[in-house]
Amino acid sequence: MRLNKFISETGACSRREADAWIAAGRVTINGKPAALGTQVGAGDVVALDGRILVAKGRDVYIALNKPRGITCTTERNVAGNIVDFIAHPERIFPIGRQTRIPRA
């Protein structure tokens, strides 16, 4: 992956800002100054002003046809909440509440 894309995906800045930081000599790869257009591999250590940038993990999407009785909330004190029902090891964010459409 290109270095500017890696930096932007860490949330540090946009790709254009990353290019400016690379050109200014603020970015290093494995302790050596980086150049524009450099490719970054899985084992490379990228740092900005000496601070290591950590790659974000891959997003996980869970599609669920929620059964009746399960509440689409992250509130753990609500009985039958979606978080306890799914029991995913990482924090989840439910989206897409759907309202019931009455039949004609």
PDB file of N, CA and C in Angstrom:
ATOM      1  N   MET A   1       0.855  -1.171   0.000  1.00  0.00           N
ATOM      2  CA  MET A   1       0.000   0.000   0.000  1.00  0.00           C
ATOM      3  C   MET A   1       0.900   1.233   0.000  1.00  0.00           C
ATOM      4  N   ARG A   2       0.443   2.272  -0.675  1.00  0.00           N
ATOM      5  CA  ARG A   2       1.217   3.513  -0.703  1.00  0.00           C
ATOM      6  C   ARG A   2       1.260   4.145   0.689  1.00  0.00           C
ATOM      7  N   LEU A   3       2.377   4.772   0.977  1.00  0.00           N
ATOM      8  CA  LEU A   3       2.614   5.346   2.298  1.00  0.00           C
ATOM      9  C   LEU A   3       1.553   6.383   2.671  1.00  0.00           C
ATOM     10  N   ASN A   4       1.191   7.261   1.742  1.00  0.00           N
ATOM     11  CA  ASN A   4       0.208   8.296   2.086  1.00  0.00           C
ATOM     12  C   ASN A   4      -1.154   7.693   2.418  1.00  0.00           C
ATOM     13  N   LYS A   5      -1.508   6.602   1.748  1.00  0.00           N
ATOM     14  CA  LYS A   5      -2.772   5.917   2.044  1.00  0.00           C
ATOM     15  C   LYS A   5      -2.709   5.280   3.435  1.00  0.00           C
ATOM     16  N   PHE A   6      -1.587   4.641   3.751  1.00  0.00           N
ATOM     17  CA  PHE A   6      -1.416   4.042   5.076  1.00  0.00           C
ATOM     18  C   PHE A   6      -1.583   5.095   6.169  1.00  0.00           C
ATOM     19  N   ILE A   7      -0.923   6.237   5.999  1.00  0.00           N
ATOM     20  CA  ILE A   7      -0.987   7.294   7.009  1.00  0.00           C
ATOM     21  C   ILE A   7      -2.416   7.807   7.157  1.00  0.00           C
ATOM     22  N   SER A   8      -3.105   8.013   6.037  1.00  0.00           N
ATOM     23  CA  SER A   8      -4.479   8.522   6.118  1.00  0.00           C
ATOM     24  C   SER A   8      -5.413   7.510   6.761  1.00  0.00           C
ATOM     25  N   GLU A   9      -5.178   6.223   6.544  1.00  0.00           N
ATOM     26  CA  GLU A   9      -6.038   5.195   7.139  1.00  0.00           C
ATOM     27  C   GLU A   9      -5.827   5.035   8.638  1.00  0.00           C
ATOM     28  N   THR A  10      -4.723   5.564   9.168  1.00  0.00           N
ATOM     29  CA  THR A  10      -4.540   5.548  10.622  1.00  0.00           C
ATOM     30  C   THR A  10      -5.366   6.651  11.281  1.00  0.00           C
ATOM     31  N   GLY A  11      -5.888   7.567  10.466  1.00  0.00           N
ATOM     32  CA  GLY A  11      -6.679   8.668  11.000  1.00  0.00           C
ATOM     33  C   GLY A  11      -5.858   9.889  11.335  1.00  0.00           C
ATOM     34  N   ALA A  12      -4.569   9.871  11.013  1.00  0.00           N
ATOM     35  CA  ALA A  12      -3.701  11.002  11.350  1.00  0.00           C
ATOM     36  C   ALA A  12      -3.998  12.232  10.500  1.00  0.00           C
ATOM     37  N   CYS A  13      -4.354  12.014   9.224  1.00  0.00           N
ATOM     38  CA  CYS A  13      -4.581  13.132   8.315  1.00  0.00           C
ATOM     39  C   CYS A  13      -5.120  12.614   6.986  1.00  0.00           C
ATOM     40  N   SER A  14      -5.279  13.523   6.028  1.00  0.00           N
ATOM     41  CA  SER A  14      -5.699  13.130   4.679  1.00  0.00           C
ATOM     42  C   SER A  14      -4.471  12.679   3.876  1.00  0.00           C
ATOM     43  N   ARG A  15      -4.699  12.121   2.700  1.00  0.00           N
ATOM     44  CA  ARG A  15      -3.573  11.697   1.845  1.00  0.00           C
ATOM     45  C   ARG A  15      -2.727  12.892   1.424  1.00  0.00           C
ATOM     46  N   ARG A  16      -3.365  13.997   1.097  1.00  0.00           N
ATOM     47  CA  ARG A  16      -2.612  15.191   0.674  1.00  0.00           C
ATOM     48  C   ARG A  16      -1.749  15.731   1.804  1.00  0.00           C
ATOM     49  N   GLU A  17      -2.303  15.757   3.011  1.00  0.00           N
ATOM     50  CA  GLU A  17      -1.509  16.193   4.168  1.00  0.00           C
ATOM     51  C   GLU A  17      -0.347  15.229   4.391  1.00  0.00           C
ATOM     52  N   ALA A  18      -0.612  13.945   4.214  1.00  0.00           N
ATOM     53  CA  ALA A  18       0.451  12.947   4.382  1.00  0.00           C
ATOM     54  C   ALA A  18       1.574  13.187   3.381  1.00  0.00           C
ATOM     55  N   ASP A  19       1.219  13.506   2.135  1.00  0.00           N
ATOM     56  CA  ASP A  19       2.245  13.815   1.129  1.00  0.00           C
ATOM     57  C   ASP A  19       3.098  15.003   1.564  1.00  0.00           C
ATOM     58  N   ALA A  20       2.458  16.019   2.132  1.00  0.00           N
ATOM     59  CA  ALA A  20       3.204  17.198   2.602  1.00  0.00           C
ATOM     60  C   ALA A  20       4.136  16.826   3.752  1.00  0.00           C
ATOM     61  N   TRP A  21       3.672  15.987   4.653  1.00  0.00           N
ATOM     62  CA  TRP A  21       4.506  15.559   5.781  1.00  0.00           C
ATOM     63  C   TRP A  21       5.683  14.718   5.312  1.00  0.00           C
ATOM     64  N   ILE A  22       5.438  13.862   4.317  1.00  0.00           N
ATOM     65  CA  ILE A  22       6.514  13.025   3.774  1.00  0.00           C
ATOM     66  C   ILE A  22       7.559  13.917   3.109  1.00  0.00           C
ATOM     67  N   ALA A  23       7.106  14.872   2.295  1.00  0.00           N
ATOM     68  CA  ALA A  23       8.017  15.786   1.607  1.00  0.00           C
ATOM     69  C   ALA A  23       8.814  16.644   2.592  1.00  0.00           C
ATOM     70  N   ALA A  24       8.203  16.970   3.740  1.00  0.00           N
ATOM     71  CA  ALA A  24       8.879  17.786   4.755  1.00  0.00           C
ATOM     72  C   ALA A  24       9.854  16.971   5.596  1.00  0.00           C
ATOM     73  N   GLY A  25       9.908  15.656   5.393  1.00  0.00           N
ATOM     74  CA  GLY A  25      10.843  14.816   6.138  1.00  0.00           C
ATOM     75  C   GLY A  25      10.377  14.429   7.522  1.00  0.00           C
ATOM     76  N   ARG A  26       9.080  14.561   7.784  1.00  0.00           N
ATOM     77  CA  ARG A  26       8.535  14.252   9.107  1.00  0.00           C
ATOM     78  C   ARG A  26       8.215  12.768   9.291  1.00  0.00           C
ATOM     79  N   VAL A  27       8.213  11.993   8.193  1.00  0.00           N
ATOM     80  CA  VAL A  27       7.808  10.591   8.234  1.00  0.00           C
ATOM     81  C   VAL A  27       9.015   9.689   8.015  1.00  0.00           C
ATOM     82  N   THR A  28       9.096   8.631   8.820  1.00  0.00           N
ATOM     83  CA  THR A  28      10.147   7.623   8.641  1.00  0.00           C
ATOM     84  C   THR A  28       9.520   6.243   8.505  1.00  0.00           C
ATOM     85  N   ILE A  29      10.229   5.373   7.780  1.00  0.00           N
ATOM     86  CA  ILE A  29       9.839   3.967   7.668  1.00  0.00           C
ATOM     87  C   ILE A  29      11.018   3.148   8.164  1.00  0.00           C
ATOM     88  N   ASN A  30      10.800   2.362   9.185  1.00  0.00           N
ATOM     89  CA  ASN A  30      11.847   1.545   9.794  1.00  0.00           C
ATOM     90  C   ASN A  30      13.062   2.394  10.183  1.00  0.00           C
ATOM     91  N   GLY A  31      12.801   3.622  10.655  1.00  0.00           N
ATOM     92  CA  GLY A  31      13.866   4.498  11.128  1.00  0.00           C
ATOM     93  C   GLY A  31      14.565   5.312  10.060  1.00  0.00           C
ATOM     94  N   LYS A  32      14.185   5.141   8.785  1.00  0.00           N
ATOM     95  CA  LYS A  32      14.827   5.876   7.691  1.00  0.00           C
ATOM     96  C   LYS A  32      13.829   6.852   7.086  1.00  0.00           C
ATOM     97  N   PRO A  33      14.298   8.016   6.640  1.00  0.00           N
ATOM     98  CA  PRO A  33      13.391   8.994   6.042  1.00  0.00           C
ATOM     99  C   PRO A  33      12.618   8.398   4.864  1.00  0.00           C
ATOM    100  N   ALA A  34      11.346   8.727   4.790  1.00  0.00           N
ATOM    101  CA  ALA A  34      10.483   8.201   3.731  1.00  0.00           C
ATOM    102  C   ALA A  34      10.493   9.126   2.525  1.00  0.00           C
ATOM    103  N   ALA A  35      10.143   8.564   1.377  1.00  0.00           N
ATOM    104  CA  ALA A  35      10.035   9.337   0.140  1.00  0.00           C
ATOM    105  C   ALA A  35       8.611   9.210  -0.390  1.00  0.00           C
ATOM    106  N   LEU A  36       8.173  10.202  -1.164  1.00  0.00           N
ATOM    107  CA  LEU A  36       6.846  10.165  -1.771  1.00  0.00           C
ATOM    108  C   LEU A  36       6.715   8.928  -2.663  1.00  0.00           C
ATOM    109  N   GLY A  37       5.576   8.275  -2.592  1.00  0.00           N
ATOM    110  CA  GLY A  37       5.317   7.106  -3.435  1.00  0.00           C
ATOM    111  C   GLY A  37       5.849   5.802  -2.888  1.00  0.00           C
ATOM    112  N   THR A  38       6.463   5.816  -1.722  1.00  0.00           N
ATOM    113  CA  THR A  38       7.005   4.600  -1.122  1.00  0.00           C
ATOM    114  C   THR A  38       5.881   3.631  -0.777  1.00  0.00           C
ATOM    115  N   GLN A  39       6.150   2.342  -0.983  1.00  0.00           N
ATOM    116  CA  GLN A  39       5.196   1.298  -0.619  1.00  0.00           C
ATOM    117  C   GLN A  39       5.504   0.823   0.801  1.00  0.00           C
ATOM    118  N   VAL A  40       4.456   0.558   1.567  1.00  0.00           N
ATOM    119  CA  VAL A  40       4.604   0.101   2.950  1.00  0.00           C
ATOM    120  C   VAL A  40       4.080  -1.323   3.049  1.00  0.00           C
ATOM    121  N   GLY A  41       4.867  -2.202   3.679  1.00  0.00           N
ATOM    122  CA  GLY A  41       4.456  -3.593   3.868  1.00  0.00           C
ATOM    123  C   GLY A  41       3.946  -3.829   5.277  1.00  0.00           C
ATOM    124  N   ALA A  42       3.470  -5.043   5.522  1.00  0.00           N
ATOM    125  CA  ALA A  42       2.872  -5.394   6.818  1.00  0.00           C
ATOM    126  C   ALA A  42       3.870  -5.282   7.967  1.00  0.00           C
ATOM    127  N   GLY A  43       5.139  -5.549   7.741  1.00  0.00           N
ATOM    128  CA  GLY A  43       6.123  -5.527   8.819  1.00  0.00           C
ATOM    129  C   GLY A  43       6.823  -4.198   9.013  1.00  0.00           C
ATOM    130  N   ASP A  44       6.507  -3.203   8.196  1.00  0.00           N
ATOM    131  CA  ASP A  44       7.178  -1.913   8.285  1.00  0.00           C
ATOM    132  C   ASP A  44       6.652  -1.083   9.457  1.00  0.00           C
ATOM    133  N   VAL A  45       7.572  -0.318  10.066  1.00  0.00           N
ATOM    134  CA  VAL A  45       7.219   0.574  11.173  1.00  0.00           C
ATOM    135  C   VAL A  45       7.246   2.001  10.638  1.00  0.00           C
ATOM    136  N   VAL A  46       6.076   2.633  10.614  1.00  0.00           N
ATOM    137  CA  VAL A  46       5.944   4.003  10.116  1.00  0.00           C
ATOM    138  C   VAL A  46       5.798   4.932  11.305  1.00  0.00           C
ATOM    139  N   ALA A  47       6.597   6.021  11.291  1.00  0.00           N
ATOM    140  CA  ALA A  47       6.537   6.981  12.391  1.00  0.00           C
ATOM    141  C   ALA A  47       6.392   8.394  11.844  1.00  0.00           C
ATOM    142  N   LEU A  48       5.653   9.205  12.574  1.00  0.00           N
ATOM    143  CA  LEU A  48       5.479  10.617  12.254  1.00  0.00           C
ATOM    144  C   LEU A  48       6.051  11.415  13.413  1.00  0.00           C
ATOM    145  N   ASP A  49       7.057  12.209  13.130  1.00  0.00           N
ATOM    146  CA  ASP A  49       7.738  12.990  14.173  1.00  0.00           C
ATOM    147  C   ASP A  49       8.177  12.098  15.336  1.00  0.00           C
ATOM    148  N   GLY A  50       8.611  10.895  15.017  1.00  0.00           N
ATOM    149  CA  GLY A  50       9.090   9.959  16.030  1.00  0.00           C
ATOM    150  C   GLY A  50       8.012   9.140  16.715  1.00  0.00           C
ATOM    151  N   ARG A  51       6.747   9.436  16.447  1.00  0.00           N
ATOM    152  CA  ARG A  51       5.620   8.709  17.050  1.00  0.00           C
ATOM    153  C   ARG A  51       5.139   7.640  16.077  1.00  0.00           C
ATOM    154  N   ILE A  52       5.129   6.393  16.513  1.00  0.00           N
ATOM    155  CA  ILE A  52       4.745   5.280  15.649  1.00  0.00           C
ATOM    156  C   ILE A  52       3.253   5.339  15.336  1.00  0.00           C
ATOM    157  N   LEU A  53       2.931   5.185  14.055  1.00  0.00           N
ATOM    158  CA  LEU A  53       1.541   5.152  13.607  1.00  0.00           C
ATOM    159  C   LEU A  53       1.097   3.704  13.516  1.00  0.00           C
ATOM    160  N   VAL A  54      -0.043   3.414  14.092  1.00  0.00           N
ATOM    161  CA  VAL A  54      -0.546   2.044  14.132  1.00  0.00           C
ATOM    162  C   VAL A  54      -1.668   1.886  13.118  1.00  0.00           C
ATOM    163  N   ALA A  55      -1.560   0.841  12.310  1.00  0.00           N
ATOM    164  CA  ALA A  55      -2.590   0.571  11.310  1.00  0.00           C
ATOM    165  C   ALA A  55      -3.883   0.178  11.999  1.00  0.00           C
ATOM    166  N   LYS A  56      -4.973   0.655  11.446  1.00  0.00           N
ATOM    167  CA  LYS A  56      -6.290   0.312  11.958  1.00  0.00           C
ATOM    168  C   LYS A  56      -6.619  -1.113  11.533  1.00  0.00           C
ATOM    169  N   GLY A  57      -7.287  -1.838  12.393  1.00  0.00           N
ATOM    170  CA  GLY A  57      -7.724  -3.184  12.033  1.00  0.00           C
ATOM    171  C   GLY A  57      -8.804  -3.138  10.968  1.00  0.00           C
ATOM    172  N   ARG A  58      -9.042  -4.241  10.352  1.00  0.00           N
ATOM    173  CA  ARG A  58     -10.081  -4.311   9.330  1.00  0.00           C
ATOM    174  C   ARG A  58     -11.452  -4.186   9.978  1.00  0.00           C
ATOM    175  N   ASP A  59     -12.359  -3.509   9.289  1.00  0.00           N
ATOM    176  CA  ASP A  59     -13.723  -3.384   9.784  1.00  0.00           C
ATOM    177  C   ASP A  59     -14.448  -4.710   9.628  1.00  0.00           C
ATOM    178  N   VAL A  60     -15.299  -5.007  10.580  1.00  0.00           N
ATOM    179  CA  VAL A  60     -16.107  -6.228  10.534  1.00  0.00           C
ATOM    180  C   VAL A  60     -17.569  -5.808  10.468  1.00  0.00           C
ATOM    181  N   TYR A  61     -18.293  -6.375   9.521  1.00  0.00           N
ATOM    182  CA  TYR A  61     -19.717  -6.092   9.380  1.00  0.00           C
ATOM    183  C   TYR A  61     -20.486  -7.367   9.663  1.00  0.00           C
ATOM    184  N   ILE A  62     -21.503  -7.263  10.487  1.00  0.00           N
ATOM    185  CA  ILE A  62     -22.338  -8.416  10.830  1.00  0.00           C
ATOM    186  C   ILE A  62     -23.753  -8.109  10.354  1.00  0.00           C
ATOM    187  N   ALA A  63     -24.237  -8.913   9.425  1.00  0.00           N
ATOM    188  CA  ALA A  63     -25.617  -8.760   8.965  1.00  0.00           C
ATOM    189  C   ALA A  63     -26.470  -9.719   9.782  1.00  0.00           C
ATOM    190  N   LEU A  64     -27.508  -9.203  10.383  1.00  0.00           N
ATOM    191  CA  LEU A  64     -28.322 -10.015  11.268  1.00  0.00           C
ATOM    192  C   LEU A  64     -29.797  -9.728  11.051  1.00  0.00           C
ATOM    193  N   ASN A  65     -30.556 -10.759  10.879  1.00  0.00           N
ATOM    194  CA  ASN A  65     -32.003 -10.626  10.869  1.00  0.00           C
ATOM    195  C   ASN A  65     -32.426 -10.767  12.325  1.00  0.00           C
ATOM    196  N   LYS A  66     -32.559  -9.632  12.994  1.00  0.00           N
ATOM    197  CA  LYS A  66     -32.795  -9.598  14.436  1.00  0.00           C
ATOM    198  C   LYS A  66     -34.106 -10.281  14.785  1.00  0.00           C
ATOM    199  N   PRO A  67     -34.038 -11.244  15.683  1.00  0.00           N
ATOM    200  CA  PRO A  67     -35.268 -11.920  16.102  1.00  0.00           C
ATOM    201  C   PRO A  67     -36.111 -11.044  17.034  1.00  0.00           C
ATOM    202  N   ARG A  68     -37.365 -11.356  17.107  1.00  0.00           N
ATOM    203  CA  ARG A  68     -38.288 -10.657  18.000  1.00  0.00           C
ATOM    204  C   ARG A  68     -37.797 -10.836  19.445  1.00  0.00           C
ATOM    205  N   GLY A  69     -37.895  -9.776  20.228  1.00  0.00           N
ATOM    206  CA  GLY A  69     -37.487  -9.844  21.634  1.00  0.00           C
ATOM    207  C   GLY A  69     -36.085  -9.308  21.883  1.00  0.00           C
ATOM    208  N   ILE A  70     -35.303  -9.101  20.828  1.00  0.00           N
ATOM    209  CA  ILE A  70     -33.964  -8.530  20.978  1.00  0.00           C
ATOM    210  C   ILE A  70     -34.065  -7.043  20.665  1.00  0.00           C
ATOM    211  N   THR A  71     -33.525  -6.213  21.565  1.00  0.00           N
ATOM    212  CA  THR A  71     -33.587  -4.768  21.412  1.00  0.00           C
ATOM    213  C   THR A  71     -32.299  -4.262  20.776  1.00  0.00           C
ATOM    214  N   CYS A  72     -32.424  -3.416  19.772  1.00  0.00           N
ATOM    215  CA  CYS A  72     -31.271  -2.873  19.048  1.00  0.00           C
ATOM    216  C   CYS A  72     -30.680  -1.708  19.849  1.00  0.00           C
ATOM    217  N   THR A  73     -29.953  -2.048  20.915  1.00  0.00           N
ATOM    218  CA  THR A  73     -29.325  -1.049  21.777  1.00  0.00           C
ATOM    219  C   THR A  73     -28.018  -1.602  22.312  1.00  0.00           C
ATOM    220  N   THR A  74     -27.101  -0.690  22.653  1.00  0.00           N
ATOM    221  CA  THR A  74     -25.838  -1.098  23.271  1.00  0.00           C
ATOM    222  C   THR A  74     -25.905  -0.998  24.791  1.00  0.00           C
ATOM    223  N   GLU A  75     -27.037  -0.588  25.312  1.00  0.00           N
ATOM    224  CA  GLU A  75     -27.218  -0.467  26.765  1.00  0.00           C
ATOM    225  C   GLU A  75     -27.246  -1.865  27.374  1.00  0.00           C
ATOM    226  N   ARG A  76     -26.212  -2.201  28.132  1.00  0.00           N
ATOM    227  CA  ARG A  76     -26.076  -3.545  28.684  1.00  0.00           C
ATOM    228  C   ARG A  76     -27.106  -3.839  29.767  1.00  0.00           C
ATOM    229  N   ASN A  77     -27.698  -2.799  30.365  1.00  0.00           N
ATOM    230  CA  ASN A  77     -28.686  -3.020  31.420  1.00  0.00           C
ATOM    231  C   ASN A  77     -30.078  -3.334  30.859  1.00  0.00           C
ATOM    232  N   VAL A  78     -30.247  -3.245  29.540  1.00  0.00           N
ATOM    233  CA  VAL A  78     -31.519  -3.580  28.905  1.00  0.00           C
ATOM    234  C   VAL A  78     -31.534  -5.076  28.605  1.00  0.00           C
ATOM    235  N   ALA A  79     -32.519  -5.756  29.153  1.00  0.00           N
ATOM    236  CA  ALA A  79     -32.613  -7.204  28.918  1.00  0.00           C
ATOM    237  C   ALA A  79     -32.854  -7.468  27.436  1.00  0.00           C
ATOM    238  N   GLY A  80     -32.150  -8.457  26.874  1.00  0.00           N
ATOM    239  CA  GLY A  80     -32.310  -8.807  25.469  1.00  0.00           C
ATOM    240  C   GLY A  80     -31.664  -7.812  24.517  1.00  0.00           C
ATOM    241  N   ASN A  81     -30.579  -7.132  24.967  1.00  0.00           N
ATOM    242  CA  ASN A  81     -29.918  -6.171  24.082  1.00  0.00           C
ATOM    243  C   ASN A  81     -29.111  -6.892  23.004  1.00  0.00           C
ATOM    244  N   ILE A  82     -28.892  -6.218  21.897  1.00  0.00           N
ATOM    245  CA  ILE A  82     -28.234  -6.810  20.727  1.00  0.00           C
ATOM    246  C   ILE A  82     -26.778  -7.193  21.021  1.00  0.00           C
ATOM    247  N   VAL A  83     -26.095  -6.443  21.869  1.00  0.00           N
ATOM    248  CA  VAL A  83     -24.688  -6.705  22.186  1.00  0.00           C
ATOM    249  C   VAL A  83     -24.535  -8.060  22.869  1.00  0.00           C
ATOM    250  N   ASP A  84     -25.354  -8.316  23.876  1.00  0.00           N
ATOM    251  CA  ASP A  84     -25.279  -9.608  24.569  1.00  0.00           C
ATOM    252  C   ASP A  84     -25.736 -10.747  23.660  1.00  0.00           C
ATOM    253  N   PHE A  85     -26.710 -10.484  22.803  1.00  0.00           N
ATOM    254  CA  PHE A  85     -27.233 -11.515  21.903  1.00  0.00           C
ATOM    255  C   PHE A  85     -26.162 -11.978  20.921  1.00  0.00           C
ATOM    256  N   ILE A  86     -25.423 -11.042  20.332  1.00  0.00           N
ATOM    257  CA  ILE A  86     -24.396 -11.396  19.348  1.00  0.00           C
ATOM    258  C   ILE A  86     -23.144 -11.936  20.027  1.00  0.00           C
ATOM    259  N   ALA A  87     -22.781 -11.384  21.175  1.00  0.00           N
ATOM    260  CA  ALA A  87     -21.609 -11.822  21.949  1.00  0.00           C
ATOM    261  C   ALA A  87     -20.325 -11.794  21.120  1.00  0.00           C
ATOM    262  N   HIS A  88     -20.140 -10.718  20.358  1.00  0.00           N
ATOM    263  CA  HIS A  88     -18.915 -10.549  19.562  1.00  0.00           C
ATOM    264  C   HIS A  88     -17.787 -10.132  20.493  1.00  0.00           C
ATOM    265  N   PRO A  89     -16.546 -10.609  20.276  1.00  0.00           N
ATOM    266  CA  PRO A  89     -15.457 -10.289  21.205  1.00  0.00           C
ATOM    267  C   PRO A  89     -15.032  -8.816  21.206  1.00  0.00           C
ATOM    268  N   GLU A  90     -15.346  -8.071  20.139  1.00  0.00           N
ATOM    269  CA  GLU A  90     -15.007  -6.662  20.090  1.00  0.00           C
ATOM    270  C   GLU A  90     -16.274  -5.826  20.195  1.00  0.00           C
ATOM    271  N   ARG A  91     -16.087  -4.542  20.468  1.00  0.00           N
ATOM    272  CA  ARG A  91     -17.237  -3.643  20.588  1.00  0.00           C
ATOM    273  C   ARG A  91     -17.951  -3.532  19.250  1.00  0.00           C
ATOM    274  N   ILE A  92     -19.275  -3.562  19.285  1.00  0.00           N
ATOM    275  CA  ILE A  92     -20.058  -3.438  18.062  1.00  0.00           C
ATOM    276  C   ILE A  92     -20.949  -2.205  18.137  1.00  0.00           C
ATOM    277  N   PHE A  93     -21.343  -1.719  16.967  1.00  0.00           N
ATOM    278  CA  PHE A  93     -22.195  -0.543  16.864  1.00  0.00           C
ATOM    279  C   PHE A  93     -23.387  -0.896  15.991  1.00  0.00           C
ATOM    280  N   PRO A  94     -24.540  -1.138  16.576  1.00  0.00           N
ATOM    281  CA  PRO A  94     -25.705  -1.481  15.755  1.00  0.00           C
ATOM    282  C   PRO A  94     -26.189  -0.264  14.966  1.00  0.00           C
ATOM    283  N   ILE A  95     -26.525  -0.503  13.713  1.00  0.00           N
ATOM    284  CA  ILE A  95     -27.071   0.551  12.857  1.00  0.00           C
ATOM    285  C   ILE A  95     -28.255  -0.005  12.090  1.00  0.00           C
ATOM    286  N   GLY A  96     -29.033   0.858  11.506  1.00  0.00           N
ATOM    287  CA  GLY A  96     -30.083   0.425  10.600  1.00  0.00           C
ATOM    288  C   GLY A  96     -31.347  -0.065  11.249  1.00  0.00           C
ATOM    289  N   ARG A  97     -31.802   0.616  12.287  1.00  0.00           N
ATOM    290  CA  ARG A  97     -33.097   0.238  12.853  1.00  0.00           C
ATOM    291  C   ARG A  97     -34.151   0.322  11.780  1.00  0.00           C
ATOM    292  N   GLN A  98     -34.996  -0.645  11.757  1.00  0.00           N
ATOM    293  CA  GLN A  98     -36.047  -0.659  10.755  1.00  0.00           C
ATOM    294  C   GLN A  98     -37.398  -0.599  11.456  1.00  0.00           C
ATOM    295  N   THR A  99     -38.263   0.258  10.973  1.00  0.00           N
ATOM    296  CA  THR A  99     -39.583   0.354  11.575  1.00  0.00           C
ATOM    297  C   THR A  99     -40.531  -0.581  10.856  1.00  0.00           C
ATOM    298  N   ARG A 100     -41.497  -1.051  11.567  1.00  0.00           N
ATOM    299  CA  ARG A 100     -42.482  -1.949  10.983  1.00  0.00           C
ATOM    300  C   ARG A 100     -43.442  -1.146  10.123  1.00  0.00           C
ATOM    301  N   ILE A 101     -43.661  -1.642   8.924  1.00  0.00           N
ATOM    302  CA  ILE A 101     -44.573  -0.978   7.985  1.00  0.00           C
ATOM    303  C   ILE A 101     -45.919  -1.708   8.091  1.00  0.00           C
ATOM    304  N   PRO A 102     -46.983  -0.976   8.426  1.00  0.00           N
ATOM    305  CA  PRO A 102     -48.279  -1.638   8.568  1.00  0.00           C
ATOM    306  C   PRO A 102     -48.786  -2.150   7.211  1.00  0.00           C
ATOM    307  N   ARG A 103     -49.406  -3.321   7.242  1.00  0.00           N
ATOM    308  CA  ARG A 103     -49.970  -3.885   6.011  1.00  0.00           C
ATOM    309  C   ARG A 103     -51.317  -3.243   5.719  1.00  0.00           C
ATOM    310  N   ALA A 104     -51.585  -3.094   4.437  1.00  0.00           N
ATOM    311  CA  ALA A 104     -52.841  -2.470   4.024  1.00  0.00           C
ATOM    312  C   ALA A 104     -53.992  -3.457   4.021  1.00  0.00           C
TER     313      ALA A 104
END
